[in-house]
Protein backbone atom coordinates (compact mmCIF):
# COMPACT_ATOMS: atom_id res chain seq x y z
CA MET A 1 -1.66 8.38 -4.41
CA VAL A 2 -3.49 5.18 -4.66
CA ASN A 3 -6.17 3.41 -2.47
CA VAL A 4 -7.06 -0.18 -3.30
CA HIS A 5 -9.12 -1.21 -0.42
CA ASP A 6 -12.73 0.15 -0.67
CA ASP A 7 -13.52 -0.13 3.15
CA GLU A 8 -10.52 2.10 4.22
CA ASN A 9 -12.40 5.45 3.87
CA THR A 10 -10.37 7.45 6.47
CA SER A 11 -7.35 7.12 4.20
CA VAL A 12 -9.17 8.44 1.23
CA GLU A 13 -10.50 11.52 3.11
CA ALA A 14 -6.97 12.25 4.36
CA GLY A 15 -5.61 11.97 0.75
CA LEU A 16 -8.36 14.31 -0.69
CA THR A 17 -7.82 16.78 2.17
CA ASN A 18 -4.13 16.94 0.97
CA ILE A 19 -4.93 17.14 -2.66
CA ASN A 20 -7.26 20.22 -2.04
CA LEU A 21 -4.27 21.85 -0.36
CA GLN A 22 -1.36 20.72 -2.57
CA GLY A 23 -2.86 19.28 -5.77
CA GLY A 24 -1.99 15.91 -7.31
CA ARG A 25 -4.22 12.89 -7.98
CA LEU A 26 -5.61 10.24 -5.91
CA ILE A 27 -6.72 6.93 -7.52
CA GLU A 28 -9.39 5.23 -5.48
CA PHE A 29 -10.50 1.71 -6.45
CA VAL A 30 -14.27 1.72 -5.78
CA HIS A 31 -16.50 -1.41 -6.01
CA SER A 32 -18.56 -2.99 -3.13
CA GLY A 33 -17.41 -0.79 -0.13
CA GLU A 34 -15.58 -4.05 1.16
CA ARG A 35 -11.98 -4.90 1.31
CA LEU A 36 -12.32 -7.98 -0.96
CA VAL A 37 -13.43 -8.01 -4.64
CA GLU A 38 -15.95 -10.56 -5.85
CA PHE A 39 -16.69 -11.49 -9.33
CA HIS A 40 -18.49 -14.25 -11.37
CA LEU A 41 -16.88 -16.23 -14.25
CA ASN A 42 -18.26 -19.31 -15.98
CA GLY A 43 -20.96 -19.53 -13.36
CA GLN A 44 -18.48 -19.49 -10.44
CA LYS A 45 -17.97 -16.90 -7.88
CA TYR A 46 -14.33 -15.68 -7.07
CA THR A 47 -12.87 -13.38 -4.32
CA PHE A 48 -9.56 -11.73 -4.27
CA ASP A 49 -7.58 -9.06 -2.36
CA PRO A 50 -6.96 -6.17 -4.79
CA ASN A 51 -3.64 -5.59 -3.19
CA ARG A 52 -2.47 -9.14 -3.85
CA ILE A 53 -2.92 -9.26 -7.64
CA PHE A 54 0.32 -7.89 -9.03
CA SER A 55 2.27 -11.07 -9.50
CA ASP A 56 1.31 -14.56 -10.54
CA ALA A 57 2.17 -15.95 -7.04
CA GLY A 58 -0.05 -13.34 -5.42
CA ILE A 59 -3.03 -14.05 -7.60
CA THR A 60 -2.81 -17.70 -7.01
CA ASP A 61 -2.56 -17.24 -3.29
CA THR A 62 -5.35 -14.70 -2.95
CA LEU A 63 -7.70 -16.85 -4.88
CA LYS A 64 -6.93 -19.98 -2.88
CA LYS A 65 -7.24 -17.95 0.39
CA HIS A 66 -10.51 -16.21 -0.33
CA SER A 67 -12.33 -18.57 -2.67
CA SER A 68 -11.01 -21.09 -5.11
CA TYR A 69 -8.41 -21.21 -7.94
CA SER A 70 -8.92 -21.60 -11.62
CA ALA A 71 -6.73 -20.63 -14.61
CA ALA A 72 -9.53 -18.74 -16.10
CA ALA A 73 -9.98 -16.55 -12.87
CA HIS A 74 -6.22 -16.19 -12.70
CA ALA A 75 -5.97 -14.80 -16.30
CA ALA A 76 -8.97 -12.39 -15.76
CA ILE A 77 -7.41 -10.99 -12.56
CA LYS A 78 -4.01 -10.76 -14.16
CA SER A 79 -5.47 -8.89 -17.09
CA PHE A 80 -7.17 -6.43 -14.77
CA ALA A 81 -4.03 -5.84 -12.86
CA THR A 82 -2.14 -5.07 -15.97
CA GLN A 83 -4.79 -2.73 -17.26
CA TYR A 84 -4.90 -0.95 -13.92
CA LEU A 85 -1.20 -0.15 -13.91
CA GLU A 86 -1.18 0.79 -17.41
CA TYR A 87 -4.31 2.93 -17.60
CA PHE A 88 -3.06 5.11 -14.74
CA ALA A 89 0.54 4.93 -16.07
CA LEU A 90 1.60 4.03 -12.43
CA GLU A 91 5.07 2.76 -13.56
CA LYS A 92 6.00 6.12 -14.98
CA GLU A 93 5.41 7.73 -11.49
CA PRO A 94 8.49 8.71 -9.56
CA VAL A 95 6.89 7.66 -6.34
CA ILE A 96 3.75 5.95 -5.32
CA ILE A 97 1.95 6.75 -2.07
CA ALA A 98 -0.50 4.01 -1.03
CA LEU A 99 -3.33 5.02 1.63
CA HIS A 100 -4.54 2.31 3.97
CA ASN A 101 -6.38 2.00 7.25
CA ALA A 102 -5.93 -0.78 9.92
CA THR A 103 -9.21 -2.41 10.61
CA ASP A 104 -8.94 -5.48 12.52
CA GLY A 105 -7.43 -3.99 15.90
CA THR A 106 -4.38 -6.18 15.70
CA PHE A 107 -2.22 -5.13 12.75
CA SER A 108 0.20 -2.44 13.65
CA VAL A 109 3.84 -1.29 13.30
CA ARG A 110 4.67 -4.02 16.07
CA SER A 111 3.55 -6.62 13.36
CA TYR A 112 6.89 -5.79 11.60
CA LEU A 113 9.22 -6.44 14.54
CA PRO A 114 11.44 -9.59 14.07
CA ASP A 115 9.10 -11.81 16.04
CA GLY A 116 5.95 -10.12 14.57
CA GLU A 117 3.59 -11.65 12.12
CA HIS A 118 5.24 -9.81 9.07
CA GLY A 119 8.69 -9.65 10.62
CA ALA A 120 10.18 -11.61 7.60
CA ALA A 121 9.11 -8.70 5.19
CA THR A 122 11.20 -5.86 6.77
CA VAL A 123 14.71 -5.19 7.55
CA GLU A 124 14.32 -2.45 10.06
CA THR A 125 11.45 -1.02 12.18
CA TYR A 126 11.40 2.09 14.34
CA ILE A 127 8.60 2.49 16.88
CA SER A 128 7.99 6.00 18.41
CA PRO A 129 7.22 6.21 22.02
CA ASN A 130 5.06 9.24 21.02
CA ARG A 131 2.86 7.69 18.34
CA ASN A 132 0.02 5.38 18.09
CA LYS A 133 1.15 2.03 16.98
CA PHE A 134 -1.60 1.71 14.46
CA ASP A 135 -0.30 4.95 12.65
CA PHE A 136 2.72 4.18 10.71
CA PHE A 137 4.69 4.15 7.40
CA TYR A 138 5.69 1.09 5.40
CA VAL A 139 8.46 2.14 3.00
CA THR A 140 10.78 0.57 0.35
CA ASP A 141 13.43 3.30 0.19
CA LYS A 142 16.01 3.78 2.94
CA LYS A 143 16.08 7.41 2.43
CA PHE A 144 12.31 7.56 3.28
CA TYR A 145 12.97 5.32 6.25
CA ASP A 146 15.80 7.63 7.73
CA TYR A 147 13.73 10.76 7.13
CA LEU A 148 10.55 9.59 8.88
CA LYS A 149 12.39 8.09 11.74
CA ALA A 150 14.22 11.38 12.33
CA ARG A 151 10.61 12.89 12.39
CA ASP A 152 9.75 10.35 15.01
CA PHE A 153 7.13 8.64 13.04
CA ASN A 154 6.50 4.90 13.36
CA VAL A 155 8.14 3.36 10.22
CA THR A 156 9.27 0.09 8.82
CA LEU A 157 11.53 -0.68 5.82
CA GLN A 158 10.74 -3.44 3.41
CA ASN A 159 13.29 -6.15 2.72
CA ASN A 160 13.50 -5.58 -1.00
CA GLU A 161 15.89 -8.47 -1.63
CA ASN A 162 14.01 -11.23 0.32
CA CYS A 163 10.44 -9.97 0.91
CA PRO A 164 7.98 -12.79 0.10
CA ASP A 165 6.21 -12.20 -3.26
CA ASP A 166 2.68 -11.63 -2.05
CA GLY A 167 1.51 -9.83 -5.04
CA SER A 168 1.32 -6.55 -3.36
CA LEU A 169 2.11 -3.07 -4.70
CA SER A 170 5.04 -2.60 -2.48
CA VAL A 171 6.80 -5.69 -3.78
CA HIS A 172 5.81 -4.89 -7.43
CA PHE A 173 7.27 -1.30 -7.31
CA ALA A 174 10.32 -2.35 -5.47
CA LYS A 175 10.98 -4.91 -8.34
CA LYS A 176 10.44 -1.90 -10.77
CA GLY A 177 12.91 0.38 -8.75
CA ILE A 178 10.05 2.84 -8.09
CA PRO A 179 10.02 4.11 -4.48
CA TYR A 180 6.86 3.32 -2.55
CA LEU A 181 5.55 4.18 0.71
CA ASN A 182 2.21 3.23 2.42
CA ILE A 183 0.64 5.41 4.96
CA GLU A 184 -1.30 3.08 7.32
CA ALA A 185 -3.40 4.60 10.13
CA GLU A 186 -6.12 3.34 12.21
CA MET A 187 -9.74 3.79 10.93
CA LYS A 188 -11.11 7.26 12.09
CA HIS A 189 -7.70 8.57 12.88
CA LEU A 190 -8.18 11.19 10.48
CA THR A 191 -6.14 14.03 11.96
CA SER A 192 -3.16 11.83 12.34
CA GLN A 193 -3.47 10.50 8.74
CA ILE A 194 -3.73 14.05 7.25
CA GLU A 195 -0.51 14.85 8.98
CA MET A 196 1.13 11.77 7.83
CA VAL A 197 0.03 12.41 4.14
CA LYS A 198 1.33 16.11 4.43
CA VAL A 199 4.59 14.92 5.82
CA ALA A 200 5.01 12.27 3.09
CA ARG A 201 4.43 14.88 0.34
CA GLU A 202 7.07 17.14 1.93
CA MET A 203 9.56 14.15 2.17
CA VAL A 204 9.00 13.31 -1.63
CA ASP A 205 9.54 16.85 -2.68
CA LYS A 206 12.66 17.09 -0.70
CA LEU A 207 14.25 13.70 -1.34
CA ILE A 208 13.16 12.88 -4.91
CA PRO A 209 15.14 14.91 -7.60
CA ARG A 210 13.14 17.26 -9.59
CA GLU A 211 14.08 15.80 -12.75
CA ALA A 212 12.68 12.43 -11.73
CA LYS A 213 9.07 14.00 -11.61
CA PRO A 214 6.76 14.24 -14.62
């Protein structure tokens, strides 16, 4: 499990609760306690979103959006992203589970409907009448989508063929052929997110062949 936004603490608490029961590892990216990362290079301050740094296009976009662009800053961030993936051997994992929290009060599973802000990124979205719209799964594998829909969870399936390359982990791992799922819950929805992490771990154990696991 990974957490890349340092202000999404409910998700980390849910992940650690699960690890205490089932084992595993959770990689938490700790820096300033904020969502964005700031650093100084050659007397200039740069800011980036740590979940937008896993492609050249993503690095360029996040620098321009949050501060300014330079080739030196691009190279520094690309080096960091490469080291992050290699040090934790993430591309050798059979599945990546990302832990996130919705913090702005508008981003929800409904954002992935065809007319939603992120509708172009996904091919199918299921909205449960029994779940909070801010608590949902974002997955790259159709097996995961079908399983979670059958369990009546909010879930959306990434369009792996045509999803815009925003430099996110979901796009990166889809390109690598490594199943990825994001557990998104509203901040302070701890009980709900603990349940979601538990179900995700059960799903992975059931759907991913044992020989694929390290």
